[in-house]
């Protein structure tokens, strides 16, 4: 999996990078087929923003989070991405059993 962390108007410190890498494990535990993750950290006056784009086969998931603390923004961002990835995986898993149920019902 390709992981890219960049900053706009902010220097990405090793502490921020380590915090993001620690949160990355939650995503890889859910799905091993993740192609890449691009995270952009930015500061606009007093708002700390974190944006992330998660690339999975056939789809791209995007989430944004803002807050007064960059670490909290990263936490909220990864929570949103985990929720989106779970919903994406459920849609993939739900398609096949539904077809099997319909075949049994009519066959």
Protein backbone atom coordinates (compact mmCIF):
# COMPACT_ATOMS: atom_id res chain seq x y z
CA UNK A 1 0.00 0.00 0.00
CA UNK A 2 1.20 3.46 -0.90
CA UNK A 3 0.93 6.08 1.88
CA UNK A 4 1.58 9.77 1.26
CA UNK A 5 1.38 12.47 3.93
CA UNK A 6 1.84 16.08 2.93
CA UNK A 7 1.18 19.50 4.41
CA UNK A 8 -0.09 22.81 3.13
CA UNK A 9 1.14 25.81 5.12
CA UNK A 10 2.36 23.39 7.79
CA UNK A 11 5.49 21.35 8.32
CA UNK A 12 4.80 17.66 8.76
CA UNK A 13 6.75 16.74 11.86
CA UNK A 14 7.90 13.21 12.66
CA UNK A 15 5.36 13.15 15.52
CA UNK A 16 2.48 13.88 13.12
CA UNK A 17 3.79 11.29 10.68
CA UNK A 18 4.05 8.65 13.44
CA UNK A 19 0.52 9.46 14.64
CA UNK A 20 -0.88 9.00 11.12
CA UNK A 21 1.07 5.74 10.64
CA UNK A 22 -0.34 4.41 13.93
CA UNK A 23 -3.89 5.11 12.73
CA UNK A 24 -3.16 3.47 9.38
CA UNK A 25 -3.19 0.03 11.00
CA UNK A 26 -6.97 0.32 11.57
CA UNK A 27 -7.53 0.59 7.82
CA UNK A 28 -5.20 -2.24 6.85
CA UNK A 29 -6.86 -4.57 9.37
CA UNK A 30 -10.22 -4.01 7.65
CA UNK A 31 -9.05 -4.54 4.09
CA UNK A 32 -5.71 -5.72 2.73
CA UNK A 33 -6.57 -4.70 -0.83
CA UNK A 34 -6.14 -0.95 -0.20
CA UNK A 35 -4.15 0.54 -3.06
CA UNK A 36 -3.13 3.83 -1.47
CA UNK A 37 -3.88 6.61 0.96
CA UNK A 38 -3.15 10.29 0.42
CA UNK A 39 -3.45 12.57 3.46
CA UNK A 40 -3.11 16.35 3.27
CA UNK A 41 -2.77 18.40 6.45
CA UNK A 42 -3.42 22.14 6.39
CA UNK A 43 -3.90 25.09 8.72
CA UNK A 44 -6.33 27.92 8.02
CA UNK A 45 -6.19 30.53 10.78
CA UNK A 46 -7.19 28.54 13.87
CA UNK A 47 -8.70 25.55 12.04
CA UNK A 48 -6.53 22.47 11.58
CA UNK A 49 -7.76 20.47 8.60
CA UNK A 50 -7.00 16.90 7.56
CA UNK A 51 -8.16 15.53 4.21
CA UNK A 52 -7.73 11.96 3.09
CA UNK A 53 -8.35 10.02 -0.09
CA UNK A 54 -8.37 6.25 0.22
CA UNK A 55 -8.02 4.27 -3.00
CA UNK A 56 -9.50 0.80 -3.11
CA UNK A 57 -10.05 -1.37 -6.19
CA UNK A 58 -12.79 0.26 -8.24
CA UNK A 59 -13.47 3.21 -5.94
CA UNK A 60 -11.95 6.23 -4.24
CA UNK A 61 -13.15 7.21 -0.74
CA UNK A 62 -12.67 10.79 0.49
CA UNK A 63 -13.10 12.35 3.94
CA UNK A 64 -12.31 15.66 5.62
CA UNK A 65 -12.02 16.68 9.26
CA UNK A 66 -11.40 20.01 10.97
CA UNK A 67 -10.69 20.89 14.55
CA UNK A 68 -8.65 23.01 16.90
CA UNK A 69 -5.95 20.33 17.23
CA UNK A 70 -4.20 18.55 14.35
CA UNK A 71 -4.02 15.24 16.21
CA UNK A 72 -7.77 15.32 16.86
CA UNK A 73 -8.39 16.13 13.20
CA UNK A 74 -6.32 13.13 12.14
CA UNK A 75 -8.26 10.91 14.55
CA UNK A 76 -11.62 12.08 13.20
CA UNK A 77 -10.39 11.70 9.60
CA UNK A 78 -9.40 8.08 10.15
CA UNK A 79 -12.70 7.37 11.95
CA UNK A 80 -14.59 8.65 8.90
CA UNK A 81 -12.42 6.64 6.50
CA UNK A 82 -12.93 3.47 8.57
CA UNK A 83 -16.71 3.98 8.46
CA UNK A 84 -16.65 4.51 4.69
CA UNK A 85 -14.44 1.46 4.16
CA UNK A 86 -16.78 -0.70 6.26
CA UNK A 87 -19.79 0.45 4.23
CA UNK A 88 -17.90 -0.20 0.99
CA UNK A 89 -16.96 -3.72 2.09
CA UNK A 90 -20.55 -4.45 3.19
CA UNK A 91 -21.84 -3.44 -0.23
CA UNK A 92 -19.37 -5.79 -1.88
CA UNK A 93 -20.24 -8.68 0.45
CA UNK A 94 -24.00 -8.08 0.27
CA UNK A 95 -24.22 -8.40 -3.51
CA UNK A 96 -23.26 -12.05 -3.81
CA UNK A 97 -25.42 -13.60 -1.05
CA UNK A 98 -28.49 -11.73 -2.34
CA UNK A 99 -28.06 -13.30 -5.76
CA UNK A 100 -27.72 -16.73 -4.14
CA UNK A 101 -30.90 -16.21 -2.08
CA UNK A 102 -32.85 -15.16 -5.18
CA UNK A 103 -31.61 -18.18 -7.13
CA UNK A 104 -32.73 -20.51 -4.34
CA UNK A 105 -36.09 -18.81 -4.10
CA UNK A 106 -36.92 -19.04 -7.81
CA UNK A 107 -34.95 -22.16 -8.69
